[in-house]
């Protein structure tokens, strides 16, 4: 899967690159990542 949560939390790249994917598939978890 493309969801490497720890790596994206560390790099922060998911905020820009995978934002649309997260919003489309896992909006709740995206909110949790942003909250952290």
C-alpha atoms as a PDB file:
ATOM      1  CA  UNK A   1       0.000   0.000   0.000  1.00  0.00           C
ATOM      2  CA  UNK A   2       1.025   3.603  -0.439  1.00  0.00           C
ATOM      3  CA  UNK A   3       0.129   4.435   3.155  1.00  0.00           C
ATOM      4  CA  UNK A   4       3.439   4.665   5.007  1.00  0.00           C
ATOM      5  CA  UNK A   5       1.996   6.664   7.866  1.00  0.00           C
ATOM      6  CA  UNK A   6       5.132   6.990   9.977  1.00  0.00           C
ATOM      7  CA  UNK A   7       7.306   8.032   7.067  1.00  0.00           C
ATOM      8  CA  UNK A   8       4.849  10.658   5.913  1.00  0.00           C
ATOM      9  CA  UNK A   9       4.402  11.992   9.437  1.00  0.00           C
ATOM     10  CA  UNK A  10       8.174  12.346   9.747  1.00  0.00           C
ATOM     11  CA  UNK A  11       8.721  13.900   6.333  1.00  0.00           C
ATOM     12  CA  UNK A  12       5.544  15.946   6.233  1.00  0.00           C
ATOM     13  CA  UNK A  13       5.456  15.454   2.460  1.00  0.00           C
ATOM     14  CA  UNK A  14       2.028  13.837   2.683  1.00  0.00           C
ATOM     15  CA  UNK A  15       0.537  17.198   3.607  1.00  0.00           C
ATOM     16  CA  UNK A  16       1.248  18.468   0.105  1.00  0.00           C
ATOM     17  CA  UNK A  17       1.650  15.405  -2.118  1.00  0.00           C
ATOM     18  CA  UNK A  18      -0.955  13.000  -0.747  1.00  0.00           C
ATOM     19  CA  UNK A  19      -3.486  15.478   0.667  1.00  0.00           C
ATOM     20  CA  UNK A  20      -6.003  14.757  -2.095  1.00  0.00           C
ATOM     21  CA  UNK A  21      -5.541  10.997  -1.721  1.00  0.00           C
ATOM     22  CA  UNK A  22      -5.989  11.134   2.054  1.00  0.00           C
ATOM     23  CA  UNK A  23      -9.067  13.329   1.798  1.00  0.00           C
ATOM     24  CA  UNK A  24     -10.526  10.969  -0.773  1.00  0.00           C
ATOM     25  CA  UNK A  25      -9.853   7.716   1.073  1.00  0.00           C
ATOM     26  CA  UNK A  26      -9.259   8.445   4.752  1.00  0.00           C
ATOM     27  CA  UNK A  27     -10.449  11.943   5.735  1.00  0.00           C
ATOM     28  CA  UNK A  28     -10.705  11.014   9.411  1.00  0.00           C
ATOM     29  CA  UNK A  29      -7.109   9.830   9.664  1.00  0.00           C
ATOM     30  CA  UNK A  30      -5.902  12.825   7.672  1.00  0.00           C
ATOM     31  CA  UNK A  31      -7.498  15.028  10.306  1.00  0.00           C
ATOM     32  CA  UNK A  32      -5.596  13.091  12.955  1.00  0.00           C
ATOM     33  CA  UNK A  33      -2.287  13.594  11.149  1.00  0.00           C
ATOM     34  CA  UNK A  34      -2.873  17.332  10.793  1.00  0.00           C
ATOM     35  CA  UNK A  35      -3.916  17.480  14.430  1.00  0.00           C
ATOM     36  CA  UNK A  36      -0.582  16.028  15.478  1.00  0.00           C
END
